[in-house]
Amino acid sequence: NIADARDLAKMLEEEGLPTQRLEASMSQAVHQRYEQDSQRAVDAGVFGAPSYVVEGEIFWGQDRLDFLQRRLNKG
């Protein structure tokens, strides 16, 4: 069950991977950052994922990555 942190930690351990980042992701600081970033997305007009915002312009959806790349290259 990947929704259970204990199961995720067990899977990481079984693969010889560190669990510190998983544990850190459950901290209050990370939760607060998530809430702040979520509010910034709402304020920017983001309405789906994946979304990218460049200088106020929203690029939404996997099929818009080429437009995003052109915008980034333009500067």
N, C-alpha and C. Protein backbone atom coordinates (compact mmCIF):
# COMPACT_ATOMS: atom_id res chain seq x y z
N ASN A 1 0.84 -1.17 0.00
CA ASN A 1 0.00 0.00 0.00
C ASN A 1 0.90 1.24 0.00
N ILE A 2 1.04 1.89 -1.14
CA ILE A 2 1.94 3.04 -1.23
C ILE A 2 1.40 4.29 -0.55
N ALA A 3 0.17 4.24 -0.07
CA ALA A 3 -0.38 5.36 0.69
C ALA A 3 0.02 5.28 2.16
N ASP A 4 0.63 4.19 2.55
CA ASP A 4 1.05 3.98 3.93
C ASP A 4 2.56 4.21 4.03
N ALA A 5 2.96 5.19 4.83
CA ALA A 5 4.38 5.54 4.95
C ALA A 5 5.22 4.37 5.45
N ARG A 6 4.64 3.54 6.30
CA ARG A 6 5.40 2.38 6.80
C ARG A 6 5.69 1.40 5.68
N ASP A 7 4.71 1.19 4.81
CA ASP A 7 4.93 0.29 3.67
C ASP A 7 5.98 0.87 2.73
N LEU A 8 5.91 2.17 2.49
CA LEU A 8 6.91 2.80 1.63
C LEU A 8 8.31 2.67 2.23
N ALA A 9 8.43 2.93 3.52
CA ALA A 9 9.73 2.82 4.19
C ALA A 9 10.26 1.40 4.09
N LYS A 10 9.38 0.43 4.27
CA LYS A 10 9.80 -0.97 4.17
C LYS A 10 10.30 -1.29 2.77
N MET A 11 9.61 -0.79 1.74
CA MET A 11 10.04 -1.03 0.36
C MET A 11 11.40 -0.38 0.10
N LEU A 12 11.59 0.83 0.60
CA LEU A 12 12.88 1.49 0.43
C LEU A 12 13.99 0.69 1.09
N GLU A 13 13.74 0.26 2.32
CA GLU A 13 14.74 -0.53 3.04
C GLU A 13 15.05 -1.82 2.31
N GLU A 14 14.04 -2.49 1.78
CA GLU A 14 14.25 -3.74 1.05
C GLU A 14 15.13 -3.54 -0.19
N GLU A 15 15.07 -2.35 -0.76
CA GLU A 15 15.88 -2.04 -1.94
C GLU A 15 17.21 -1.40 -1.57
N GLY A 16 17.47 -1.28 -0.28
CA GLY A 16 18.72 -0.70 0.18
C GLY A 16 18.79 0.81 0.01
N LEU A 17 17.64 1.45 -0.04
CA LEU A 17 17.58 2.90 -0.22
C LEU A 17 17.32 3.59 1.12
N PRO A 18 17.84 4.80 1.28
CA PRO A 18 17.65 5.52 2.54
C PRO A 18 16.20 5.95 2.73
N THR A 19 15.78 6.00 3.97
CA THR A 19 14.40 6.40 4.28
C THR A 19 14.33 7.81 4.85
N GLN A 20 15.47 8.48 5.01
CA GLN A 20 15.48 9.80 5.65
C GLN A 20 14.63 10.81 4.89
N ARG A 21 14.68 10.80 3.57
CA ARG A 21 13.90 11.79 2.81
C ARG A 21 12.41 11.54 2.96
N LEU A 22 12.02 10.29 3.01
CA LEU A 22 10.61 9.97 3.21
C LEU A 22 10.18 10.49 4.58
N GLU A 23 10.99 10.25 5.58
CA GLU A 23 10.67 10.72 6.93
C GLU A 23 10.61 12.25 6.96
N ALA A 24 11.57 12.89 6.31
CA ALA A 24 11.60 14.36 6.29
C ALA A 24 10.39 14.93 5.56
N SER A 25 9.89 14.19 4.58
CA SER A 25 8.74 14.69 3.81
C SER A 25 7.48 14.79 4.65
N MET A 26 7.48 14.17 5.79
CA MET A 26 6.30 14.19 6.66
C MET A 26 6.39 15.26 7.75
N SER A 27 7.42 16.10 7.66
CA SER A 27 7.61 17.12 8.69
C SER A 27 6.62 18.26 8.53
N GLN A 28 6.45 19.01 9.60
CA GLN A 28 5.57 20.18 9.57
C GLN A 28 6.08 21.22 8.59
N ALA A 29 7.40 21.38 8.50
CA ALA A 29 7.98 22.36 7.57
C ALA A 29 7.63 22.03 6.13
N VAL A 30 7.70 20.76 5.78
CA VAL A 30 7.35 20.35 4.41
C VAL A 30 5.86 20.55 4.17
N HIS A 31 5.05 20.24 5.16
CA HIS A 31 3.60 20.44 5.02
C HIS A 31 3.29 21.92 4.80
N GLN A 32 3.95 22.79 5.55
CA GLN A 32 3.73 24.23 5.39
C GLN A 32 4.16 24.70 4.01
N ARG A 33 5.29 24.19 3.53
CA ARG A 33 5.78 24.56 2.19
C ARG A 33 4.79 24.10 1.13
N TYR A 34 4.25 22.91 1.29
CA TYR A 34 3.24 22.39 0.35
C TYR A 34 2.03 23.32 0.31
N GLU A 35 1.55 23.73 1.48
CA GLU A 35 0.40 24.63 1.55
C GLU A 35 0.70 25.97 0.88
N GLN A 36 1.89 26.50 1.12
CA GLN A 36 2.28 27.77 0.51
C GLN A 36 2.36 27.65 -1.01
N ASP A 37 3.00 26.59 -1.49
CA ASP A 37 3.14 26.39 -2.93
C ASP A 37 1.78 26.16 -3.58
N SER A 38 0.90 25.44 -2.90
CA SER A 38 -0.45 25.21 -3.42
C SER A 38 -1.20 26.53 -3.55
N GLN A 39 -1.06 27.40 -2.56
CA GLN A 39 -1.73 28.69 -2.62
C GLN A 39 -1.15 29.56 -3.72
N ARG A 40 0.16 29.52 -3.90
CA ARG A 40 0.79 30.27 -4.99
C ARG A 40 0.26 29.80 -6.34
N ALA A 41 0.07 28.49 -6.49
CA ALA A 41 -0.47 27.94 -7.74
C ALA A 41 -1.89 28.44 -7.98
N VAL A 42 -2.71 28.40 -6.95
CA VAL A 42 -4.09 28.89 -7.07
C VAL A 42 -4.08 30.37 -7.44
N ASP A 43 -3.25 31.14 -6.77
CA ASP A 43 -3.17 32.58 -7.03
C ASP A 43 -2.70 32.87 -8.46
N ALA A 44 -1.87 31.98 -9.02
CA ALA A 44 -1.36 32.17 -10.38
C ALA A 44 -2.36 31.70 -11.43
N GLY A 45 -3.44 31.04 -11.00
CA GLY A 45 -4.44 30.57 -11.94
C GLY A 45 -4.22 29.16 -12.43
N VAL A 46 -3.33 28.43 -11.78
CA VAL A 46 -3.08 27.04 -12.16
C VAL A 46 -4.33 26.23 -11.88
N PHE A 47 -4.69 25.37 -12.83
CA PHE A 47 -5.92 24.59 -12.69
C PHE A 47 -5.74 23.11 -12.97
N GLY A 48 -4.54 22.66 -13.23
CA GLY A 48 -4.31 21.25 -13.50
C GLY A 48 -2.83 20.94 -13.46
N ALA A 49 -2.52 19.68 -13.65
CA ALA A 49 -1.13 19.25 -13.63
C ALA A 49 -0.85 18.37 -14.85
N PRO A 50 0.34 18.50 -15.39
CA PRO A 50 1.40 19.41 -14.96
C PRO A 50 1.16 20.83 -15.46
N SER A 51 1.56 21.78 -14.66
CA SER A 51 1.47 23.19 -15.03
C SER A 51 2.80 23.86 -14.71
N TYR A 52 3.17 24.78 -15.57
CA TYR A 52 4.39 25.55 -15.40
C TYR A 52 4.02 27.01 -15.60
N VAL A 53 4.54 27.88 -14.76
CA VAL A 53 4.26 29.31 -14.86
C VAL A 53 5.58 30.03 -15.08
N VAL A 54 5.65 30.76 -16.19
CA VAL A 54 6.84 31.54 -16.52
C VAL A 54 6.40 32.99 -16.69
N GLU A 55 6.84 33.84 -15.77
CA GLU A 55 6.51 35.26 -15.81
C GLU A 55 5.01 35.47 -16.04
N GLY A 56 4.20 34.74 -15.28
CA GLY A 56 2.75 34.90 -15.32
C GLY A 56 2.05 34.12 -16.42
N GLU A 57 2.78 33.52 -17.34
CA GLU A 57 2.18 32.74 -18.42
C GLU A 57 2.11 31.27 -18.01
N ILE A 58 0.92 30.69 -18.10
CA ILE A 58 0.72 29.30 -17.68
C ILE A 58 0.85 28.37 -18.88
N PHE A 59 1.64 27.33 -18.69
CA PHE A 59 1.75 26.25 -19.68
C PHE A 59 1.19 25.02 -19.00
N TRP A 60 0.07 24.53 -19.51
CA TRP A 60 -0.63 23.42 -18.85
C TRP A 60 -0.67 22.21 -19.76
N GLY A 61 -0.26 21.08 -19.21
CA GLY A 61 -0.37 19.81 -19.91
C GLY A 61 0.93 19.35 -20.53
N GLN A 62 1.07 18.05 -20.58
CA GLN A 62 2.26 17.42 -21.15
C GLN A 62 2.47 17.84 -22.60
N ASP A 63 1.38 18.03 -23.33
CA ASP A 63 1.50 18.36 -24.75
C ASP A 63 1.91 19.81 -24.98
N ARG A 64 2.12 20.58 -23.94
CA ARG A 64 2.55 21.98 -24.07
C ARG A 64 4.01 22.19 -23.71
N LEU A 65 4.72 21.11 -23.47
CA LEU A 65 6.12 21.24 -23.07
C LEU A 65 6.97 21.87 -24.16
N ASP A 66 6.63 21.64 -25.44
CA ASP A 66 7.40 22.27 -26.51
C ASP A 66 7.21 23.79 -26.50
N PHE A 67 5.99 24.25 -26.18
CA PHE A 67 5.75 25.69 -26.05
C PHE A 67 6.54 26.26 -24.87
N LEU A 68 6.56 25.53 -23.79
CA LEU A 68 7.31 25.95 -22.61
C LEU A 68 8.79 26.06 -22.95
N GLN A 69 9.33 25.07 -23.65
CA GLN A 69 10.74 25.09 -24.02
C GLN A 69 11.07 26.31 -24.89
N ARG A 70 10.20 26.60 -25.85
CA ARG A 70 10.42 27.78 -26.70
C ARG A 70 10.39 29.06 -25.88
N ARG A 71 9.47 29.13 -24.93
CA ARG A 71 9.37 30.32 -24.08
C ARG A 71 10.62 30.49 -23.24
N LEU A 72 11.12 29.39 -22.70
CA LEU A 72 12.34 29.45 -21.88
C LEU A 72 13.55 29.84 -22.73
N ASN A 73 13.62 29.33 -23.94
CA ASN A 73 14.73 29.66 -24.83
C ASN A 73 14.70 31.13 -25.24
N LYS A 74 13.50 31.68 -25.32
CA LYS A 74 13.32 33.08 -25.72
C LYS A 74 13.83 34.03 -24.65
N GLY A 75 13.74 33.58 -23.41
CA GLY A 75 14.24 34.39 -22.30
C GLY A 75 13.31 35.31 -21.71
